Amino acid sequence: MNINRLRFTALALFAMLGINDLCAQDSSPAKQSRDERMAWWHEAKFGMFVHWGIYSTTGGEYNGQKLPNSAEWMMNKGRIPIAEYSKYATQFNPVKFDAAEFVGRAKQAGMKYLVITAKHHDGFSMFGSTCNPYNVVEATPFKRDIMKELADECQKQDIKFGFYYSQAQDWHHPGGFGNNWDKTFERVSTDEYVRDKAVPEVKQLLTEYGPIGIFWWDTPRAMSKESFDALHSLTKLQPNVITNDRLGEGYRGDYKTFERNIPAEAPAGEDWEVCMPISGSWGYKKGDNDFKSPQTLIRNLVDIAGKGGNYLLNVSPTGEGTLLPQAIENLKAVGQWMAVNSESIYGTTASPLPKLEWGRCTAKTTDGQTTLYLHVFDWPSDGKLNVPGLKTAVRSARLIANNVSVDAKSIDDGVELSLPGEATDPHASVIELKLDGKLEVEATLPKPDKNGLLVLTADKAYMHNNEGSREVGVRIHDDIPHIGYWTDDQAWAEWSVQMDQPGDYEVTAVLSVEGENTHFQYGLPGGFQTAKVDSTGGYGNYVEKKLGTIKVTDPGTTSIQVKPVPGQWNPMNLRQLSLQRVDR
């Protein structure tokens, strides 16, 4: 069949489903502007992600073996035949599931929206699909529409509700992408899968479950443009729905998605969200005890909000329909912090301040008056907290937890706060600063402290990438930023600094490298030294290595640079450089 005929056939099939007539339906509310649609999402900042399916019955185990990757990938990683995997549906009976309790846990944690997997890559529909009997109502002993119960309960508890839907990957349907191991069925075209399953199911989800706040697409794969267009057209059924950026075919959606990692810098001019599991796996996995601590969860939320993003934190119900005790406990801890400090998260914008060594900042501006919320992770031992670059006078300052006033005074490089001896919270103590007048912030550069120590972390570096090569950038591992994927020996890192004290500085790096004989240069423009490092035992094994000494002759603004030696470079991860002035 030639391509034009194929496209004509696809268009005809989608037209038969009424895709081109969606706009004719007049039961939907009037379409809002993008700013109006996004207003609740900007206010919310914090949501619950839920990965749940028939894989939860085994906790990711197959034939007594633990499979790699997250549990929801067990069919793929175990290369389980469709007929065998489908039997897990007969075991799925989450009798302890209570929608009111489940949504209540999200609300108690301070979450404002909930997104759940209506269909993941395994092809099982967690709702009463009218086109696909392989669903929770018809194929399981539970016989209840979980999506309907959650949608109704979210409306009752004033939580925005959203669906995750794997539009391309479907390991159960012969036209879905991804199943290359089961040879017992005859393949059909992806267009046929989209026509017969994806389009009808998405249409049902957008018409039978009340107001949908978010439709969360995932893993775009090779489909015809007509298939992409057909799926995208369905969102007109809910004209005020928000979508992410994972449909494909150039459909950017309303916001950018980051998975598992928090970007070191916010993407300029874009709305964005970080999705991240509360433990190691997205779906429930036996033995997965890699739970993020309450402190990590709270600081992640603060870090993301301080960069202007949203945090979508995933939980994974068991086959019985409940969360593990550790997940419940950690969510409660986040909720306790939010009960005191939520005003510093909801409706805030990104920090206008330079990078803060002691924590993070969020901001609100109302009628021209700006309030800054300082989230202090590291309480100063001397009680003095410097807010760098802030030139606007402070009208009032207080600790949110106990409403105690804090003294604030302007100094040369910002504002200095005098704090009590003890932090008000072990995870993040919040100080409210109400400013007197228009916000004015002066850019400040890192400089050595009073002891002559200057620490330059990876997230403060500017990367000079070679056009056309793979971009070297900042990654996050173990909650610590590093410069990674440094495969291009023409790419180099630079930190702009203020060096007011001439002298000799001993340079130390925290790095990891897998190969031997890695050579790079470091130092100031016109005064480089060469360092050689050998394998540290792998990219995850960081060591502190003394590189040598550089000389600062003239005080003022300059830069510290790290440049690979071409032809003698093995990819290296770099967490930080430290410069310590040496008295001679």
Protein backbone atom coordinates (compact mmCIF):
# COMPACT_ATOMS: atom_id res chain seq x y z
CA MET A 1 0.00 0.00 0.00
CA ASN A 2 1.46 3.40 -0.90
CA ILE A 3 1.91 6.06 1.77
CA ASN A 4 -0.81 8.38 0.45
CA ARG A 5 -3.37 5.60 0.50
CA LEU A 6 -2.24 4.63 4.03
CA ARG A 7 -2.71 8.19 5.24
CA PHE A 8 -6.09 8.42 3.55
CA THR A 9 -7.13 5.20 5.27
CA ALA A 10 -5.98 6.46 8.68
CA LEU A 11 -7.80 9.75 8.25
CA ALA A 12 -10.94 7.97 7.15
CA LEU A 13 -10.83 5.66 10.15
CA PHE A 14 -10.39 8.52 12.60
CA ALA A 15 -13.15 10.48 10.88
CA MET A 16 -15.47 7.52 11.43
CA LEU A 17 -14.80 7.86 15.15
CA GLY A 18 -15.89 11.48 15.07
CA ILE A 19 -12.45 12.92 15.80
CA ASN A 20 -12.99 15.83 13.42
CA ASP A 21 -16.35 16.64 15.02
CA LEU A 22 -15.15 17.03 18.59
CA CYS A 23 -15.46 20.79 18.48
CA ALA A 24 -19.14 20.42 17.60
CA GLN A 25 -19.92 19.10 21.08
CA ASP A 26 -21.25 21.98 23.17
CA SER A 27 -21.47 20.37 26.61
CA SER A 28 -17.97 21.47 27.65
CA PRO A 29 -17.26 24.73 29.49
CA ALA A 30 -15.93 27.67 27.52
CA LYS A 31 -12.24 27.45 26.73
CA GLN A 32 -10.10 29.61 28.96
CA SER A 33 -6.91 31.41 27.98
CA ARG A 34 -3.70 29.54 28.73
CA ASP A 35 -2.98 31.77 31.73
CA GLU A 36 -6.46 31.05 33.09
CA ARG A 37 -6.08 27.30 32.54
CA MET A 38 -2.68 27.24 34.24
CA ALA A 39 -3.65 29.45 37.19
CA TRP A 40 -4.65 26.59 39.52
CA TRP A 41 -1.52 24.61 38.58
CA HIS A 42 0.74 27.57 39.34
CA GLU A 43 -1.00 27.95 42.69
CA ALA A 44 -0.86 24.23 43.55
CA LYS A 45 2.89 23.50 43.28
CA PHE A 46 2.54 20.00 44.78
CA GLY A 47 0.72 16.92 43.48
CA MET A 48 0.46 13.16 43.94
CA PHE A 49 1.39 10.75 41.15
CA VAL A 50 0.08 7.17 41.43
CA HIS A 51 1.40 4.13 39.55
CA TRP A 52 -0.96 1.22 40.09
CA GLY A 53 -1.82 -1.85 38.05
CA ILE A 54 -2.02 -5.63 38.06
CA TYR A 55 1.78 -5.79 38.42
CA SER A 56 1.15 -4.73 42.03
CA THR A 57 -0.17 -8.21 42.84
CA THR A 58 3.33 -9.70 42.66
CA GLY A 59 5.32 -6.67 43.74
CA GLY A 60 7.38 -6.86 40.56
CA GLU A 61 8.40 -10.51 41.03
CA TYR A 62 8.08 -13.14 38.31
CA ASN A 63 8.49 -16.86 38.96
CA GLY A 64 10.05 -16.04 42.31
CA GLN A 65 12.65 -13.71 40.82
CA LYS A 66 13.06 -9.98 41.34
CA LEU A 67 13.19 -8.26 37.99
CA PRO A 68 15.28 -5.18 37.23
CA ASN A 69 13.81 -1.71 36.79
CA SER A 70 10.57 -0.48 38.34
CA ALA A 71 7.79 -2.98 39.00
CA GLU A 72 5.45 -1.66 36.30
CA TRP A 73 8.03 -2.82 33.73
CA MET A 74 7.92 -6.46 34.91
CA MET A 75 6.10 -7.71 31.79
CA ASN A 76 8.81 -6.20 29.61
CA LYS A 77 11.82 -7.10 31.75
CA GLY A 78 10.57 -10.64 32.33
CA ARG A 79 9.54 -10.97 28.67
CA ILE A 80 6.29 -12.43 29.94
CA PRO A 81 3.90 -13.70 27.24
CA ILE A 82 0.58 -11.88 26.99
CA ALA A 83 -1.45 -14.96 27.90
CA GLU A 84 0.60 -15.53 31.04
CA TYR A 85 0.74 -11.90 32.16
CA SER A 86 -3.01 -11.51 31.67
CA LYS A 87 -3.59 -14.05 34.46
CA TYR A 88 -2.41 -11.47 36.99
CA ALA A 89 -5.69 -9.66 36.36
CA THR A 90 -7.56 -12.57 37.96
CA GLN A 91 -5.45 -12.06 41.11
CA PHE A 92 -5.98 -8.30 41.34
CA ASN A 93 -8.46 -7.72 44.15
CA PRO A 94 -7.53 -4.60 46.19
CA VAL A 95 -10.22 -5.08 48.82
CA LYS A 96 -8.59 -2.58 51.21
CA PHE A 97 -8.75 0.28 48.71
CA ASP A 98 -10.70 3.26 50.00
CA ALA A 99 -10.85 6.24 47.64
CA ALA A 100 -11.74 8.67 50.43
CA GLU A 101 -8.79 7.56 52.54
CA PHE A 102 -6.45 7.58 49.54
CA VAL A 103 -7.34 11.10 48.42
CA GLY A 104 -7.31 12.18 52.05
CA ARG A 105 -3.66 11.17 52.34
CA ALA A 106 -2.79 13.40 49.40
CA LYS A 107 -4.72 16.29 50.90
CA GLN A 108 -3.17 15.78 54.33
CA ALA A 109 0.30 15.94 52.74
CA GLY A 110 -0.54 19.33 51.24
CA MET A 111 -0.96 18.06 47.69
CA LYS A 112 -3.41 19.92 45.46
CA TYR A 113 -3.76 17.51 42.53
CA LEU A 114 -3.63 13.78 41.82
CA VAL A 115 -2.61 12.00 38.60
CA ILE A 116 -3.02 8.22 38.27
CA THR A 117 -2.15 5.61 35.63
CA ALA A 118 -5.36 4.88 33.73
CA LYS A 119 -3.33 2.61 31.42
CA HIS A 120 0.38 1.93 31.66
CA HIS A 121 2.60 0.21 29.10
CA ASP A 122 1.31 -3.26 30.01
CA GLY A 123 -1.98 -2.35 28.33
CA PHE A 124 -4.24 -3.06 31.31
CA SER A 125 -6.97 -0.46 31.76
CA MET A 126 -7.56 0.55 35.38
CA PHE A 127 -11.08 1.73 34.54
CA GLY A 128 -14.19 0.25 32.95
CA SER A 129 -13.04 0.57 29.35
CA THR A 130 -15.93 0.23 26.91
CA CYS A 131 -13.71 -0.87 24.02
CA ASN A 132 -11.33 -3.19 25.83
CA PRO A 133 -12.46 -6.04 28.14
CA TYR A 134 -8.93 -6.24 29.55
CA ASN A 135 -9.86 -3.83 32.33
CA VAL A 136 -10.33 -3.66 36.08
CA VAL A 137 -14.12 -3.98 35.96
CA GLU A 138 -14.40 -6.96 33.59
CA ALA A 139 -11.14 -8.87 34.05
CA THR A 140 -10.61 -8.79 37.82
CA PRO A 141 -12.56 -10.08 40.83
CA PHE A 142 -12.60 -6.49 42.15
CA LYS A 143 -15.08 -5.39 39.46
CA ARG A 144 -15.03 -1.72 40.52
CA ASP A 145 -14.03 1.30 38.46
CA ILE A 146 -11.10 2.67 40.47
CA MET A 147 -10.75 5.74 38.27
CA LYS A 148 -14.41 6.67 38.78
CA GLU A 149 -14.14 6.33 42.55
CA LEU A 150 -11.02 8.48 42.67
CA ALA A 151 -12.42 11.10 40.29
CA ASP A 152 -15.56 11.47 42.40
CA GLU A 153 -13.60 11.62 45.64
CA CYS A 154 -11.16 14.22 44.32
CA GLN A 155 -14.12 16.45 43.48
CA LYS A 156 -15.49 16.00 47.00
CA GLN A 157 -12.15 16.89 48.61
CA ASP A 158 -11.34 19.75 46.21
CA ILE A 159 -8.33 18.00 44.67
CA LYS A 160 -7.74 18.40 40.93
CA PHE A 161 -7.85 15.03 39.19
CA GLY A 162 -5.80 13.86 36.23
CA PHE A 163 -5.06 10.78 34.13
CA TYR A 164 -1.76 9.28 33.04
CA TYR A 165 -2.14 7.39 29.75
CA SER A 166 0.50 5.44 27.81
CA GLN A 167 -0.61 6.35 24.30
CA ALA A 168 2.00 4.48 22.24
CA GLN A 169 3.44 1.66 24.32
CA ASP A 170 0.97 -1.16 24.83
CA TRP A 171 2.44 -4.63 25.31
CA HIS A 172 -0.97 -6.33 25.21
CA HIS A 173 -2.42 -4.99 21.94
CA PRO A 174 -0.92 -6.37 18.68
CA GLY A 175 -0.58 -2.83 17.32
CA GLY A 176 0.91 -1.27 20.43
CA PHE A 177 4.58 -0.38 20.59
CA GLY A 178 7.11 -2.29 22.65
CA ASN A 179 6.27 -6.01 22.74
CA ASN A 180 8.97 -7.69 20.66
CA TRP A 181 9.12 -10.96 22.59
CA ASP A 182 5.66 -12.53 22.26
CA LYS A 183 5.39 -14.22 18.85
CA THR A 184 1.98 -15.80 19.47
CA PHE A 185 -0.03 -12.99 17.92
CA GLU A 186 -0.08 -11.38 14.50
CA ARG A 187 0.99 -7.75 14.45
CA VAL A 188 -1.33 -5.03 13.20
CA SER A 189 -0.55 -1.40 12.42
CA THR A 190 -0.07 1.23 15.11
CA ASP A 191 -2.85 3.23 13.45
CA GLU A 192 -5.18 0.30 14.06
CA TYR A 193 -4.21 0.20 17.75
CA VAL A 194 -4.75 3.95 18.08
CA ARG A 195 -8.10 3.72 16.27
CA ASP A 196 -9.43 0.68 18.14
CA LYS A 197 -8.05 1.27 21.63
CA ALA A 198 -6.17 4.47 22.41
CA VAL A 199 -8.62 6.93 20.85
CA PRO A 200 -11.80 5.34 22.30
CA GLU A 201 -10.23 5.00 25.74
CA VAL A 202 -8.90 8.56 25.87
CA LYS A 203 -12.26 9.81 24.62
CA GLN A 204 -14.00 7.86 27.39
CA LEU A 205 -11.64 9.19 30.06
CA LEU A 206 -12.27 12.75 28.93
CA THR A 207 -16.06 12.44 28.82
CA GLU A 208 -17.18 10.08 31.60
CA TYR A 209 -15.12 11.06 34.65
CA GLY A 210 -16.05 14.65 35.31
CA PRO A 211 -13.65 17.62 35.12
CA ILE A 212 -10.11 16.49 34.29
CA GLY A 213 -7.36 18.85 35.39
CA ILE A 214 -4.39 17.13 33.72
CA PHE A 215 -3.91 14.60 30.95
CA TRP A 216 -0.42 13.16 31.33
CA TRP A 217 0.88 11.48 28.15
CA ASP A 218 3.93 9.21 28.28
CA THR A 219 6.68 7.75 26.09
CA PRO A 220 5.95 9.01 22.57
CA ARG A 221 6.95 6.45 19.96
CA ALA A 222 6.72 6.07 16.20
CA MET A 223 3.15 6.73 15.13
CA SER A 224 1.68 8.38 12.07
CA LYS A 225 0.98 12.09 12.20
CA GLU A 226 -2.70 11.25 11.87
CA SER A 227 -2.53 9.17 15.07
CA PHE A 228 -0.83 11.96 16.98
CA ASP A 229 -3.34 14.48 15.64
CA ALA A 230 -6.27 12.25 16.55
CA LEU A 231 -5.10 11.86 20.14
CA HIS A 232 -4.35 15.55 20.52
CA SER A 233 -7.76 16.50 19.11
CA LEU A 234 -9.44 14.61 21.93
CA THR A 235 -8.26 17.14 24.49
CA LYS A 236 -10.85 19.53 23.02
CA LEU A 237 -13.41 17.47 24.90
CA GLN A 238 -12.04 19.11 28.05
CA PRO A 239 -11.04 22.56 26.75
CA ASN A 240 -9.47 23.60 30.06
CA VAL A 241 -7.39 20.46 30.60
CA ILE A 242 -3.62 20.85 31.02
CA THR A 243 -1.28 18.47 29.19
CA ASN A 244 2.40 17.66 29.58
CA ASP A 245 5.01 17.48 26.83
CA ARG A 246 5.07 13.72 26.14
CA LEU A 247 2.49 13.22 23.40
CA GLY A 248 5.02 13.59 20.58
CA GLU A 249 5.00 14.91 16.99
CA GLY A 250 5.89 18.42 18.11
CA TYR A 251 2.99 18.78 20.55
CA ARG A 252 4.71 20.64 23.37
CA GLY A 253 1.81 20.56 25.80
CA ASP A 254 1.51 23.11 28.59
CA TYR A 255 4.57 22.22 30.61
CA LYS A 256 7.91 20.44 30.45
CA THR A 257 8.45 17.18 32.34
CA PHE A 258 11.58 16.21 34.27
CA GLU A 259 11.73 12.63 35.54
CA ARG A 260 13.45 11.69 38.81
CA ASN A 261 15.94 14.60 38.69
CA ILE A 262 15.58 18.26 39.64
CA PRO A 263 17.20 20.55 37.06
CA ALA A 264 20.07 22.63 38.38
CA GLU A 265 18.61 25.63 36.57
CA ALA A 266 14.98 26.21 35.63
CA PRO A 267 14.25 26.04 31.88
CA ALA A 268 13.95 29.64 30.74
CA GLY A 269 10.46 30.80 29.84
CA GLU A 270 8.76 27.45 30.43
CA ASP A 271 6.41 25.94 32.98
CA TRP A 272 7.81 22.67 34.28
CA GLU A 273 7.28 19.81 36.68
CA VAL A 274 9.47 17.18 38.31
CA CYS A 275 7.93 13.72 38.73
CA MET A 276 9.72 11.48 41.19
CA PRO A 277 8.90 8.27 43.09
CA ILE A 278 8.79 8.38 46.88
CA SER A 279 10.94 5.23 46.86
CA GLY A 280 13.03 3.56 44.15
CA SER A 281 10.25 2.09 41.98
CA TRP A 282 7.26 3.81 40.41
CA GLY A 283 5.00 0.78 40.92
CA TYR A 284 4.88 -1.28 44.13
CA LYS A 285 7.96 -3.49 44.34
CA LYS A 286 8.68 -5.96 47.10
CA GLY A 287 11.83 -5.14 49.03
CA ASP A 288 12.00 -1.57 47.75
CA ASN A 289 13.03 0.23 50.92
CA ASP A 290 14.75 3.11 49.19
CA PHE A 291 12.32 5.66 50.60
CA LYS A 292 13.23 9.31 50.45
CA SER A 293 13.32 10.77 53.94
CA PRO A 294 10.88 13.49 55.02
CA GLN A 295 13.78 15.94 54.91
CA THR A 296 14.62 15.01 51.32
CA LEU A 297 10.96 15.27 50.26
CA ILE A 298 10.51 18.66 51.91
CA ARG A 299 13.76 20.05 50.55
CA ASN A 300 12.94 18.71 47.08
CA LEU A 301 9.61 20.54 47.21
CA VAL A 302 11.31 23.73 48.37
CA ASP A 303 14.09 23.43 45.77
CA ILE A 304 11.61 22.91 42.93
CA ALA A 305 9.28 25.71 44.06
CA GLY A 306 12.31 27.97 44.50
CA LYS A 307 13.13 27.42 40.83
CA GLY A 308 9.53 28.01 39.73
CA GLY A 309 8.43 24.40 39.13
CA ASN A 310 5.89 21.88 40.45
CA TYR A 311 6.59 18.64 42.32
CA LEU A 312 4.62 15.51 41.35
CA LEU A 313 5.51 12.91 43.98
CA ASN A 314 4.67 9.31 43.14
CA VAL A 315 3.29 6.66 45.49
CA SER A 316 2.69 3.00 44.68
CA PRO A 317 -0.27 1.12 46.19
CA THR A 318 0.08 -2.59 46.87
CA GLY A 319 -2.13 -5.26 45.36
CA GLU A 320 -4.43 -4.82 48.37
CA GLY A 321 -4.96 -1.16 47.56
CA THR A 322 -3.01 0.40 50.42
CA LEU A 323 0.25 2.32 50.71
CA LEU A 324 3.21 0.94 52.62
CA PRO A 325 3.56 2.25 56.20
CA GLN A 326 6.80 4.09 55.39
CA ALA A 327 5.15 5.98 52.54
CA ILE A 328 2.25 6.95 54.81
CA GLU A 329 4.60 8.09 57.56
CA ASN A 330 6.71 10.21 55.21
CA LEU A 331 3.67 11.81 53.61
CA LYS A 332 2.37 12.71 57.07
CA ALA A 333 5.70 14.35 57.91
CA VAL A 334 5.54 16.45 54.75
CA GLY A 335 1.96 17.36 55.63
CA GLN A 336 2.98 18.50 59.10
CA TRP A 337 5.59 20.80 57.59
CA MET A 338 3.11 22.10 55.02
CA ALA A 339 0.49 22.76 57.72
CA VAL A 340 2.88 25.36 59.15
CA ASN A 341 4.69 26.61 56.05
CA SER A 342 2.36 26.16 53.06
CA GLU A 343 2.14 29.91 52.41
CA SER A 344 5.81 29.73 51.42
CA ILE A 345 4.96 27.18 48.68
CA TYR A 346 1.45 27.74 47.30
CA GLY A 347 1.23 30.41 44.64
CA THR A 348 4.89 31.33 44.84
CA THR A 349 7.31 32.13 42.04
CA ALA A 350 10.99 31.41 41.57
CA SER A 351 13.62 32.99 43.77
CA PRO A 352 14.91 36.36 42.52
CA LEU A 353 18.08 35.94 44.60
CA PRO A 354 21.42 34.46 43.57
CA LYS A 355 22.28 30.92 44.65
CA LEU A 356 21.94 30.58 48.42
CA GLU A 357 24.48 28.51 50.31
CA TRP A 358 22.19 28.01 53.30
CA GLY A 359 18.92 27.04 51.58
CA ARG A 360 16.35 28.26 49.07
CA CYS A 361 13.95 31.15 48.49
CA THR A 362 10.44 31.53 47.04
CA ALA A 363 8.62 34.78 46.32
CA LYS A 364 5.17 36.38 46.01
CA THR A 365 4.33 39.79 44.61
CA THR A 366 0.92 41.35 45.25
CA ASP A 367 0.00 44.89 44.21
CA GLY A 368 3.66 45.69 43.68
CA GLN A 369 4.68 44.50 47.16
CA THR A 370 7.09 41.55 47.31
CA THR A 371 7.37 38.95 50.04
CA LEU A 372 10.35 36.61 50.12
CA TYR A 373 10.26 33.27 51.92
CA LEU A 374 13.69 32.11 53.03
CA HIS A 375 13.91 28.34 53.58
CA VAL A 376 16.94 27.80 55.79
CA PHE A 377 18.43 24.31 55.56
CA ASP A 378 21.68 25.11 57.37
CA TRP A 379 21.06 27.27 60.43
CA PRO A 380 23.98 29.67 61.02
CA SER A 381 25.95 28.84 64.15
CA ASP A 382 26.67 32.53 64.80
CA GLY A 383 23.05 33.56 64.26
CA LYS A 384 23.88 35.77 61.26
CA LEU A 385 22.16 34.95 57.97
CA ASN A 386 23.26 36.88 54.88
CA VAL A 387 20.69 37.38 52.11
CA PRO A 388 23.04 38.13 49.20
CA GLY A 389 22.26 40.77 46.60
CA LEU A 390 19.05 42.07 48.20
CA LYS A 391 19.06 45.87 47.92
CA THR A 392 15.45 46.58 48.87
CA ALA A 393 14.92 47.49 52.51
CA VAL A 394 13.09 44.95 54.67
CA ARG A 395 9.85 46.24 56.22
CA SER A 396 9.38 43.21 58.47
CA ALA A 397 10.92 39.80 59.06
CA ARG A 398 9.52 36.91 61.08
CA LEU A 399 9.88 33.19 61.63
CA ILE A 400 6.71 31.59 60.29
CA ALA A 401 6.69 28.67 62.74
CA ASN A 402 6.42 30.79 65.90
CA ASN A 403 5.72 34.29 64.54
CA VAL A 404 8.86 35.64 66.24
CA SER A 405 10.23 38.84 64.71
CA VAL A 406 13.76 38.88 63.31
CA ASP A 407 16.08 41.89 63.10
CA ALA A 408 17.18 42.79 59.57
CA LYS A 409 19.75 45.35 58.45
CA SER A 410 21.18 46.32 55.08
CA ILE A 411 24.87 45.58 54.52
CA ASP A 412 27.19 46.12 51.56
CA ASP A 413 26.34 42.88 49.76
CA GLY A 414 22.72 42.36 50.82
CA VAL A 415 20.73 42.05 54.02
CA GLU A 416 21.84 40.49 57.29
CA LEU A 417 19.33 38.78 59.58
CA SER A 418 19.95 38.15 63.28
CA LEU A 419 18.44 34.78 64.14
CA PRO A 420 17.81 32.98 67.44
CA GLY A 421 20.13 30.18 68.48
CA GLU A 422 17.96 27.26 67.38
CA ALA A 423 16.28 26.45 64.07
CA THR A 424 12.49 26.26 64.17
CA ASP A 425 12.40 23.14 61.98
CA PRO A 426 14.98 20.37 61.43
CA HIS A 427 14.18 20.17 57.70
CA ALA A 428 13.60 23.75 56.56
CA SER A 429 12.97 26.75 58.80
CA VAL A 430 11.04 29.48 56.99
CA ILE A 431 11.55 33.23 57.40
CA GLU A 432 9.10 35.67 55.85
CA LEU A 433 10.60 38.92 54.57
CA LYS A 434 8.18 41.69 53.60
CA LEU A 435 10.03 44.21 51.48
CA ASP A 436 9.62 47.97 51.60
CA GLY A 437 9.32 49.07 48.00
CA LYS A 438 10.12 47.64 44.60
CA LEU A 439 12.25 44.50 44.56
CA GLU A 440 15.86 45.25 43.69
CA VAL A 441 18.49 42.51 43.56
CA GLU A 442 22.12 42.98 42.63
CA ALA A 443 23.95 40.06 41.10
CA THR A 444 26.70 38.78 43.37
CA LEU A 445 29.59 36.52 42.53
CA PRO A 446 31.05 33.76 44.71
CA LYS A 447 34.09 34.88 46.69
CA PRO A 448 36.35 33.40 49.36
CA ASP A 449 35.01 33.55 52.90
CA LYS A 450 36.84 35.19 55.80
CA ASN A 451 39.06 32.11 56.09
CA GLY A 452 40.06 32.28 52.44
CA LEU A 453 37.92 29.30 51.33
CA LEU A 454 35.95 29.40 48.07
CA VAL A 455 33.74 26.41 47.19
CA LEU A 456 32.49 26.23 43.60
CA THR A 457 29.73 23.66 43.11
CA ALA A 458 28.72 22.14 39.78
CA ASP A 459 25.37 23.92 39.67
CA LYS A 460 27.14 27.30 39.64
CA ALA A 461 29.25 26.47 36.59
CA TYR A 462 28.63 27.78 33.10
CA MET A 463 29.29 25.11 30.48
CA HIS A 464 30.81 26.06 27.14
CA ASN A 465 29.53 23.36 24.80
CA ASN A 466 30.86 22.65 21.33
CA GLU A 467 28.07 23.24 18.82
CA GLY A 468 26.84 20.01 17.29
CA SER A 469 28.14 17.71 20.03
CA ARG A 470 26.25 16.15 22.92
CA GLU A 471 25.56 18.84 25.47
CA VAL A 472 27.50 18.59 28.71
CA GLY A 473 25.42 19.75 31.64
CA VAL A 474 24.63 19.54 35.32
CA ARG A 475 23.01 16.33 36.55
CA ILE A 476 21.78 15.31 40.01
CA HIS A 477 22.90 12.08 41.70
CA ASP A 478 22.28 11.27 45.37
CA ASP A 479 20.73 14.75 45.64
CA ILE A 480 24.10 16.32 44.75
CA PRO A 481 24.68 18.17 41.45
CA HIS A 482 27.59 17.24 39.22
CA ILE A 483 28.79 18.08 35.72
CA GLY A 484 28.16 14.87 33.79
CA TYR A 485 28.13 13.29 30.33
CA TRP A 486 31.39 15.15 29.76
CA THR A 487 32.29 13.17 26.66
CA ASP A 488 33.33 16.13 24.50
CA ASP A 489 36.94 17.19 25.08
CA GLN A 490 36.13 20.60 23.57
CA ALA A 491 33.51 21.42 26.23
CA TRP A 492 34.71 23.29 29.30
CA ALA A 493 33.41 24.65 32.60
CA GLU A 494 33.70 28.17 33.96
CA TRP A 495 32.83 29.86 37.26
CA SER A 496 32.75 33.67 37.47
CA VAL A 497 34.18 34.72 40.84
CA GLN A 498 35.19 37.75 42.89
CA MET A 499 38.77 37.37 44.16
CA ASP A 500 39.49 40.25 46.54
CA GLN A 501 42.49 38.64 48.23
CA PRO A 502 45.60 38.03 46.06
CA GLY A 503 47.77 35.08 46.95
CA ASP A 504 48.30 31.37 46.40
CA TYR A 505 45.27 29.09 46.44
CA GLU A 506 45.35 25.32 46.81
CA VAL A 507 42.81 23.70 44.47
CA THR A 508 40.91 20.53 45.40
CA ALA A 509 38.31 18.74 43.26
CA VAL A 510 35.56 16.25 44.12
CA LEU A 511 35.29 14.05 41.05
CA SER A 512 34.78 10.59 39.62
CA VAL A 513 36.22 9.01 36.50
CA GLU A 514 36.17 5.51 35.07
CA GLY A 515 39.11 5.57 32.66
CA GLU A 516 42.82 5.97 33.34
CA ASN A 517 45.09 8.92 32.52
CA THR A 518 42.51 11.68 32.32
CA HIS A 519 44.20 15.05 31.79
CA PHE A 520 42.65 18.49 32.16
CA GLN A 521 43.70 22.07 32.79
CA TYR A 522 42.43 24.26 35.61
CA GLY A 523 43.05 27.81 36.74
CA LEU A 524 42.52 31.44 35.77
CA PRO A 525 42.66 32.79 32.21
CA GLY A 526 46.32 32.97 31.26
CA GLY A 527 47.48 30.88 34.20
CA PHE A 528 46.55 27.22 33.81
CA GLN A 529 47.92 24.15 35.55
CA THR A 530 47.54 20.58 34.25
CA ALA A 531 46.14 17.76 36.36
CA LYS A 532 46.15 14.02 35.75
CA VAL A 533 43.66 11.69 37.42
CA ASP A 534 43.23 7.94 37.22
CA SER A 535 40.13 5.84 37.67
CA THR A 536 38.26 6.39 40.92
CA GLY A 537 36.57 3.02 40.56
CA GLY A 538 33.55 4.15 38.57
CA TYR A 539 31.37 7.17 37.89
CA GLY A 540 29.46 6.70 41.13
CA ASN A 541 32.61 6.62 43.26
CA TYR A 542 33.60 10.21 44.06
CA VAL A 543 36.93 11.11 45.62
CA GLU A 544 38.51 14.34 46.81
CA LYS A 545 41.73 15.03 44.91
CA LYS A 546 44.25 17.80 45.47
CA LEU A 547 45.14 19.22 42.08
CA GLY A 548 47.79 21.81 42.89
CA THR A 549 48.17 25.54 43.49
CA ILE A 550 47.20 28.59 41.44
CA LYS A 551 48.22 32.21 42.00
CA VAL A 552 45.84 35.17 42.09
CA THR A 553 47.87 38.31 41.41
CA ASP A 554 45.22 41.00 40.86
CA PRO A 555 42.07 41.49 42.97
CA GLY A 556 38.73 41.78 41.19
CA THR A 557 36.37 39.80 38.98
CA THR A 558 37.82 36.82 37.13
CA SER A 559 36.91 33.22 36.34
CA ILE A 560 38.02 29.74 37.32
CA GLN A 561 38.06 27.32 34.41
CA VAL A 562 38.37 23.57 33.85
CA LYS A 563 39.28 22.43 30.33
CA PRO A 564 39.92 18.90 29.04
CA VAL A 565 43.24 18.23 27.34
CA PRO A 566 42.21 17.07 23.83
CA GLY A 567 43.32 13.54 23.08
CA GLN A 568 44.08 12.83 26.75
CA TRP A 569 40.56 13.05 28.13
CA ASN A 570 38.24 10.42 29.56
CA PRO A 571 34.70 11.44 30.56
CA MET A 572 34.68 12.79 34.11
CA ASN A 573 32.00 13.76 36.62
CA LEU A 574 32.85 16.88 38.61
CA ARG A 575 30.94 17.86 41.75
CA GLN A 576 32.96 20.82 42.96
CA LEU A 577 36.20 22.73 43.09
CA SER A 578 37.53 24.23 46.32
CA LEU A 579 40.11 27.00 46.50
CA GLN A 580 41.84 27.58 49.84
CA ARG A 581 44.18 30.54 50.29
CA VAL A 582 47.58 29.39 51.49
CA ASP A 583 49.72 31.59 53.73
CA ARG A 584 53.31 31.54 52.55
